[in-house]
Amino acid sequence: MSCAIELQRKGISSLIIEKENIVNTIYNFPTHQTFFSSSEKLEIGGIPFITEKQKPVRNQALAYYRTVAERENLRIQPFEKVVSINKKNKLFEVNTEYKAGGENKYLADHVIIASGYYDQQLYGNTW
């Protein structure tokens, strides 16, 4: 999300493809897990993360990041899984599958891959 915000502020269009819901990695954290970092260090896009306690818990982080996504009008494709990325001449071809069925294909100049620790699988392709 941070990369998408910064690109957008520089006038570069971006798209976040999320295989599950928005900020799914945090959604998969244990329910009452407290972050090691303070709320200030979890901030993105210069948007304050205000909590009663210095170190937020999962539900506070979910609400914060989803609010940031909405406020920044980020283009997010939830429940769409990337299944392959191939270089085609000077572009990247990103092939996806929708959770509800169906496929999609995107062409992009650049691709940024970000995956969260709690959303990893122990085998096969993790996209």
N, C-alpha and C. Protein backbone atom coordinates (compact mmCIF):
# COMPACT_ATOMS: atom_id res chain seq x y z
N MET A 1 0.82 -1.18 0.00
CA MET A 1 0.00 0.00 0.00
C MET A 1 0.87 1.25 0.00
N SER A 2 1.94 1.22 0.74
CA SER A 2 2.83 2.37 0.81
C SER A 2 3.40 2.70 -0.56
N CYS A 3 3.82 1.68 -1.30
CA CYS A 3 4.35 1.91 -2.65
C CYS A 3 3.28 2.51 -3.55
N ALA A 4 2.07 1.98 -3.49
CA ALA A 4 0.97 2.49 -4.32
C ALA A 4 0.66 3.95 -4.00
N ILE A 5 0.69 4.30 -2.73
CA ILE A 5 0.44 5.69 -2.32
C ILE A 5 1.51 6.60 -2.89
N GLU A 6 2.77 6.23 -2.74
CA GLU A 6 3.86 7.07 -3.23
C GLU A 6 3.84 7.19 -4.74
N LEU A 7 3.57 6.10 -5.45
CA LEU A 7 3.47 6.16 -6.91
C LEU A 7 2.33 7.09 -7.33
N GLN A 8 1.20 6.94 -6.69
CA GLN A 8 0.03 7.76 -7.01
C GLN A 8 0.35 9.24 -6.81
N ARG A 9 1.05 9.57 -5.75
CA ARG A 9 1.40 10.97 -5.47
C ARG A 9 2.37 11.53 -6.50
N LYS A 10 3.07 10.65 -7.21
CA LYS A 10 3.98 11.08 -8.27
C LYS A 10 3.29 11.02 -9.64
N GLY A 11 1.97 10.73 -9.64
CA GLY A 11 1.22 10.70 -10.88
C GLY A 11 1.33 9.41 -11.65
N ILE A 12 1.80 8.35 -10.99
CA ILE A 12 1.95 7.05 -11.65
C ILE A 12 0.81 6.14 -11.20
N SER A 13 0.05 5.65 -12.16
CA SER A 13 -1.08 4.78 -11.87
C SER A 13 -0.58 3.42 -11.37
N SER A 14 -1.22 2.90 -10.35
CA SER A 14 -0.84 1.58 -9.83
C SER A 14 -2.08 0.78 -9.49
N LEU A 15 -1.90 -0.51 -9.36
CA LEU A 15 -2.98 -1.42 -9.01
C LEU A 15 -2.44 -2.42 -8.01
N ILE A 16 -3.16 -2.61 -6.92
CA ILE A 16 -2.81 -3.63 -5.93
C ILE A 16 -3.69 -4.84 -6.20
N ILE A 17 -3.06 -5.99 -6.42
CA ILE A 17 -3.80 -7.24 -6.61
C ILE A 17 -3.63 -8.03 -5.32
N GLU A 18 -4.73 -8.27 -4.64
CA GLU A 18 -4.72 -8.93 -3.33
C GLU A 18 -5.46 -10.24 -3.44
N LYS A 19 -4.79 -11.34 -3.12
CA LYS A 19 -5.44 -12.65 -3.31
C LYS A 19 -6.61 -12.91 -2.37
N GLU A 20 -6.68 -12.17 -1.29
CA GLU A 20 -7.81 -12.29 -0.37
C GLU A 20 -8.36 -10.89 -0.11
N ASN A 21 -8.76 -10.62 1.12
CA ASN A 21 -9.30 -9.29 1.43
C ASN A 21 -8.16 -8.28 1.59
N ILE A 22 -8.50 -7.01 1.70
CA ILE A 22 -7.50 -5.96 1.83
C ILE A 22 -6.70 -6.17 3.12
N VAL A 23 -5.40 -6.01 3.03
CA VAL A 23 -4.43 -6.28 4.11
C VAL A 23 -4.68 -7.65 4.76
N ASN A 24 -4.77 -8.65 3.91
CA ASN A 24 -5.07 -10.01 4.36
C ASN A 24 -4.05 -10.54 5.36
N THR A 25 -2.79 -10.17 5.19
CA THR A 25 -1.77 -10.64 6.12
C THR A 25 -2.13 -10.25 7.55
N ILE A 26 -2.53 -9.01 7.74
CA ILE A 26 -2.90 -8.54 9.09
C ILE A 26 -4.19 -9.22 9.53
N TYR A 27 -5.10 -9.46 8.62
CA TYR A 27 -6.34 -10.17 8.93
C TYR A 27 -6.04 -11.55 9.53
N ASN A 28 -4.95 -12.16 9.07
CA ASN A 28 -4.57 -13.50 9.55
C ASN A 28 -3.74 -13.48 10.83
N PHE A 29 -3.38 -12.31 11.33
CA PHE A 29 -2.68 -12.25 12.61
C PHE A 29 -3.58 -12.83 13.70
N PRO A 30 -2.99 -13.35 14.76
CA PRO A 30 -3.82 -13.74 15.91
C PRO A 30 -4.66 -12.55 16.38
N THR A 31 -5.89 -12.79 16.76
CA THR A 31 -6.88 -11.75 17.04
C THR A 31 -6.40 -10.64 17.96
N HIS A 32 -5.76 -10.96 19.04
CA HIS A 32 -5.35 -9.93 19.99
C HIS A 32 -3.84 -9.66 19.99
N GLN A 33 -3.20 -9.99 18.88
CA GLN A 33 -1.76 -9.77 18.80
C GLN A 33 -1.46 -8.28 18.87
N THR A 34 -0.51 -7.94 19.70
CA THR A 34 -0.02 -6.56 19.80
C THR A 34 1.21 -6.45 18.91
N PHE A 35 1.30 -5.39 18.14
CA PHE A 35 2.45 -5.17 17.28
C PHE A 35 3.66 -4.81 18.12
N PHE A 36 4.85 -5.19 17.67
CA PHE A 36 6.08 -4.83 18.35
C PHE A 36 6.37 -3.35 18.13
N SER A 37 6.01 -2.85 16.95
CA SER A 37 6.26 -1.45 16.60
C SER A 37 5.18 -0.55 17.17
N SER A 38 5.55 0.69 17.40
CA SER A 38 4.57 1.68 17.84
C SER A 38 3.71 2.10 16.66
N SER A 39 2.57 2.72 16.95
CA SER A 39 1.67 3.14 15.89
C SER A 39 2.34 4.11 14.92
N GLU A 40 3.23 4.97 15.43
CA GLU A 40 3.92 5.92 14.54
C GLU A 40 4.77 5.19 13.50
N LYS A 41 5.38 4.07 13.87
CA LYS A 41 6.24 3.33 12.95
C LYS A 41 5.43 2.48 11.97
N LEU A 42 4.15 2.30 12.22
CA LEU A 42 3.28 1.54 11.32
C LEU A 42 2.54 2.45 10.34
N GLU A 43 2.70 3.75 10.49
CA GLU A 43 2.02 4.72 9.62
C GLU A 43 2.53 4.61 8.19
N ILE A 44 1.60 4.83 7.24
CA ILE A 44 1.99 4.90 5.84
C ILE A 44 1.35 6.13 5.21
N GLY A 45 2.01 6.63 4.19
CA GLY A 45 1.47 7.75 3.44
C GLY A 45 1.35 9.04 4.23
N GLY A 46 2.06 9.14 5.36
CA GLY A 46 1.99 10.35 6.17
C GLY A 46 0.65 10.54 6.87
N ILE A 47 -0.14 9.47 6.95
CA ILE A 47 -1.45 9.53 7.60
C ILE A 47 -1.30 9.03 9.04
N PRO A 48 -1.60 9.85 10.04
CA PRO A 48 -1.42 9.46 11.43
C PRO A 48 -2.22 8.21 11.82
N PHE A 49 -1.58 7.37 12.59
CA PHE A 49 -2.21 6.15 13.13
C PHE A 49 -2.38 6.42 14.62
N ILE A 50 -3.56 6.83 15.00
CA ILE A 50 -3.82 7.24 16.38
C ILE A 50 -4.54 6.12 17.13
N THR A 51 -3.95 5.70 18.26
CA THR A 51 -4.57 4.68 19.11
C THR A 51 -4.44 5.11 20.57
N GLU A 52 -5.25 4.48 21.43
CA GLU A 52 -5.17 4.79 22.86
C GLU A 52 -3.85 4.30 23.44
N LYS A 53 -3.39 3.14 22.97
CA LYS A 53 -2.14 2.56 23.45
C LYS A 53 -1.05 2.85 22.42
N GLN A 54 0.19 2.85 22.88
CA GLN A 54 1.30 3.14 21.98
C GLN A 54 1.44 2.04 20.92
N LYS A 55 1.19 0.79 21.30
CA LYS A 55 1.34 -0.33 20.37
C LYS A 55 -0.05 -0.90 20.05
N PRO A 56 -0.47 -0.79 18.80
CA PRO A 56 -1.82 -1.22 18.43
C PRO A 56 -1.97 -2.74 18.35
N VAL A 57 -3.22 -3.18 18.33
CA VAL A 57 -3.54 -4.59 18.14
C VAL A 57 -4.11 -4.77 16.74
N ARG A 58 -4.31 -6.01 16.35
CA ARG A 58 -4.74 -6.39 15.00
C ARG A 58 -5.94 -5.60 14.50
N ASN A 59 -7.01 -5.54 15.25
CA ASN A 59 -8.23 -4.87 14.78
C ASN A 59 -8.01 -3.39 14.51
N GLN A 60 -7.17 -2.75 15.33
CA GLN A 60 -6.86 -1.34 15.10
C GLN A 60 -6.07 -1.16 13.80
N ALA A 61 -5.13 -2.06 13.56
CA ALA A 61 -4.33 -1.99 12.33
C ALA A 61 -5.20 -2.24 11.10
N LEU A 62 -6.09 -3.22 11.17
CA LEU A 62 -7.00 -3.48 10.05
C LEU A 62 -7.81 -2.24 9.71
N ALA A 63 -8.39 -1.64 10.72
CA ALA A 63 -9.22 -0.44 10.50
C ALA A 63 -8.37 0.68 9.93
N TYR A 64 -7.18 0.87 10.45
CA TYR A 64 -6.30 1.95 9.97
C TYR A 64 -5.95 1.75 8.50
N TYR A 65 -5.42 0.58 8.13
CA TYR A 65 -4.96 0.37 6.76
C TYR A 65 -6.13 0.39 5.76
N ARG A 66 -7.26 -0.12 6.14
CA ARG A 66 -8.43 -0.07 5.24
C ARG A 66 -8.93 1.36 5.07
N THR A 67 -8.85 2.17 6.12
CA THR A 67 -9.22 3.58 6.02
C THR A 67 -8.24 4.32 5.12
N VAL A 68 -6.96 4.01 5.25
CA VAL A 68 -5.95 4.64 4.40
C VAL A 68 -6.23 4.30 2.94
N ALA A 69 -6.52 3.03 2.64
CA ALA A 69 -6.81 2.61 1.27
C ALA A 69 -7.98 3.39 0.69
N GLU A 70 -9.01 3.56 1.49
CA GLU A 70 -10.20 4.30 1.04
C GLU A 70 -9.88 5.78 0.87
N ARG A 71 -9.24 6.35 1.85
CA ARG A 71 -8.93 7.79 1.81
C ARG A 71 -8.03 8.14 0.63
N GLU A 72 -7.09 7.27 0.32
CA GLU A 72 -6.15 7.52 -0.78
C GLU A 72 -6.69 7.06 -2.14
N ASN A 73 -7.90 6.52 -2.15
CA ASN A 73 -8.51 6.01 -3.39
C ASN A 73 -7.60 5.04 -4.13
N LEU A 74 -7.02 4.11 -3.39
CA LEU A 74 -6.13 3.13 -4.00
C LEU A 74 -6.94 2.15 -4.84
N ARG A 75 -6.40 1.82 -5.99
CA ARG A 75 -7.02 0.80 -6.85
C ARG A 75 -6.60 -0.56 -6.33
N ILE A 76 -7.55 -1.30 -5.79
CA ILE A 76 -7.26 -2.61 -5.20
C ILE A 76 -8.20 -3.64 -5.80
N GLN A 77 -7.64 -4.75 -6.24
CA GLN A 77 -8.42 -5.88 -6.74
C GLN A 77 -8.35 -6.99 -5.67
N PRO A 78 -9.33 -7.02 -4.74
CA PRO A 78 -9.30 -8.09 -3.73
C PRO A 78 -9.83 -9.40 -4.31
N PHE A 79 -9.46 -10.48 -3.68
CA PHE A 79 -9.91 -11.83 -4.04
C PHE A 79 -9.53 -12.18 -5.48
N GLU A 80 -8.35 -11.74 -5.87
CA GLU A 80 -7.79 -12.04 -7.19
C GLU A 80 -6.35 -12.49 -6.97
N LYS A 81 -6.04 -13.69 -7.35
CA LYS A 81 -4.74 -14.29 -7.07
C LYS A 81 -3.85 -14.24 -8.30
N VAL A 82 -2.62 -13.74 -8.14
CA VAL A 82 -1.64 -13.75 -9.23
C VAL A 82 -1.15 -15.18 -9.39
N VAL A 83 -1.25 -15.71 -10.61
CA VAL A 83 -0.79 -17.08 -10.86
C VAL A 83 0.50 -17.13 -11.67
N SER A 84 0.79 -16.06 -12.42
CA SER A 84 2.06 -16.02 -13.14
C SER A 84 2.38 -14.59 -13.56
N ILE A 85 3.68 -14.35 -13.69
CA ILE A 85 4.18 -13.08 -14.22
C ILE A 85 5.23 -13.44 -15.26
N ASN A 86 5.04 -12.94 -16.47
CA ASN A 86 5.97 -13.23 -17.56
C ASN A 86 6.40 -11.95 -18.23
N LYS A 87 7.65 -11.89 -18.64
CA LYS A 87 8.16 -10.73 -19.37
C LYS A 87 7.81 -10.91 -20.84
N LYS A 88 7.10 -9.94 -21.42
CA LYS A 88 6.72 -9.95 -22.83
C LYS A 88 7.28 -8.68 -23.45
N ASN A 89 8.38 -8.82 -24.20
CA ASN A 89 9.08 -7.66 -24.75
C ASN A 89 9.47 -6.73 -23.60
N LYS A 90 8.95 -5.50 -23.57
CA LYS A 90 9.32 -4.57 -22.50
C LYS A 90 8.27 -4.49 -21.40
N LEU A 91 7.24 -5.31 -21.49
CA LEU A 91 6.16 -5.28 -20.50
C LEU A 91 6.11 -6.59 -19.71
N PHE A 92 5.48 -6.51 -18.56
CA PHE A 92 5.21 -7.71 -17.77
C PHE A 92 3.75 -8.09 -17.99
N GLU A 93 3.51 -9.36 -18.20
CA GLU A 93 2.15 -9.88 -18.30
C GLU A 93 1.83 -10.56 -16.97
N VAL A 94 0.83 -10.04 -16.28
CA VAL A 94 0.43 -10.56 -14.98
C VAL A 94 -0.89 -11.30 -15.17
N ASN A 95 -0.88 -12.61 -14.94
CA ASN A 95 -2.08 -13.43 -15.09
C ASN A 95 -2.65 -13.74 -13.72
N THR A 96 -3.96 -13.58 -13.60
CA THR A 96 -4.63 -13.77 -12.31
C THR A 96 -5.85 -14.66 -12.44
N GLU A 97 -6.30 -15.13 -11.29
CA GLU A 97 -7.55 -15.89 -11.19
C GLU A 97 -8.38 -15.27 -10.08
N TYR A 98 -9.67 -15.12 -10.34
CA TYR A 98 -10.59 -14.63 -9.31
C TYR A 98 -10.98 -15.77 -8.39
N LYS A 99 -11.13 -15.47 -7.12
CA LYS A 99 -11.52 -16.49 -6.14
C LYS A 99 -12.87 -17.10 -6.51
N ALA A 100 -13.78 -16.28 -7.05
CA ALA A 100 -15.12 -16.75 -7.43
C ALA A 100 -15.13 -17.42 -8.81
N GLY A 101 -13.97 -17.51 -9.46
CA GLY A 101 -13.88 -18.10 -10.78
C GLY A 101 -13.60 -17.05 -11.84
N GLY A 102 -12.91 -17.44 -12.87
CA GLY A 102 -12.56 -16.53 -13.94
C GLY A 102 -11.11 -16.12 -13.88
N GLU A 103 -10.64 -15.55 -14.97
CA GLU A 103 -9.24 -15.15 -15.09
C GLU A 103 -9.15 -13.72 -15.59
N ASN A 104 -7.97 -13.12 -15.41
CA ASN A 104 -7.72 -11.79 -15.90
C ASN A 104 -6.26 -11.69 -16.29
N LYS A 105 -5.93 -10.69 -17.11
CA LYS A 105 -4.55 -10.47 -17.55
C LYS A 105 -4.29 -8.97 -17.55
N TYR A 106 -3.14 -8.58 -17.00
CA TYR A 106 -2.73 -7.19 -16.96
C TYR A 106 -1.38 -7.07 -17.64
N LEU A 107 -1.13 -5.93 -18.27
CA LEU A 107 0.17 -5.60 -18.81
C LEU A 107 0.70 -4.42 -18.02
N ALA A 108 1.97 -4.49 -17.63
CA ALA A 108 2.54 -3.44 -16.78
C ALA A 108 4.00 -3.18 -17.14
N ASP A 109 4.40 -1.93 -16.97
CA ASP A 109 5.81 -1.57 -17.16
C ASP A 109 6.68 -2.12 -16.04
N HIS A 110 6.12 -2.10 -14.83
CA HIS A 110 6.85 -2.53 -13.64
C HIS A 110 5.93 -3.34 -12.74
N VAL A 111 6.52 -4.23 -11.95
CA VAL A 111 5.76 -5.04 -10.99
C VAL A 111 6.50 -5.00 -9.66
N ILE A 112 5.76 -4.76 -8.59
CA ILE A 112 6.31 -4.83 -7.24
C ILE A 112 5.62 -6.00 -6.55
N ILE A 113 6.39 -6.91 -6.00
CA ILE A 113 5.82 -8.07 -5.31
C ILE A 113 6.00 -7.88 -3.82
N ALA A 114 4.90 -7.95 -3.08
CA ALA A 114 4.95 -7.84 -1.62
C ALA A 114 4.05 -8.92 -1.04
N SER A 115 4.59 -9.71 -0.15
CA SER A 115 3.77 -10.73 0.51
C SER A 115 4.05 -10.66 2.00
N GLY A 116 3.06 -10.99 2.79
CA GLY A 116 3.20 -10.92 4.23
C GLY A 116 3.56 -12.26 4.83
N TYR A 117 4.26 -12.22 5.92
CA TYR A 117 4.72 -13.44 6.58
C TYR A 117 3.58 -14.38 6.95
N TYR A 118 2.51 -13.88 7.53
CA TYR A 118 1.43 -14.75 7.98
C TYR A 118 0.61 -15.32 6.84
N ASP A 119 0.82 -14.85 5.65
CA ASP A 119 0.03 -15.32 4.51
C ASP A 119 0.83 -16.29 3.64
N GLN A 120 1.94 -16.78 4.12
CA GLN A 120 2.78 -17.68 3.35
C GLN A 120 2.30 -19.12 3.47
N GLN A 121 2.53 -19.87 2.39
CA GLN A 121 2.25 -21.30 2.39
C GLN A 121 3.60 -22.01 2.49
N LEU A 122 3.58 -23.21 2.97
CA LEU A 122 4.82 -23.95 3.13
C LEU A 122 5.22 -24.72 1.87
N TYR A 123 4.37 -24.70 0.85
CA TYR A 123 4.67 -25.46 -0.35
C TYR A 123 4.17 -24.70 -1.57
N GLY A 124 4.76 -25.01 -2.71
CA GLY A 124 4.27 -24.48 -3.98
C GLY A 124 4.34 -22.97 -4.10
N ASN A 125 3.65 -22.48 -5.10
CA ASN A 125 3.61 -21.06 -5.40
C ASN A 125 2.73 -20.34 -4.38
N THR A 126 3.23 -19.24 -3.81
CA THR A 126 2.50 -18.53 -2.77
C THR A 126 1.72 -17.34 -3.29
N TRP A 127 1.61 -17.17 -4.58
CA TRP A 127 0.87 -16.04 -5.11
C TRP A 127 -0.56 -16.42 -5.13
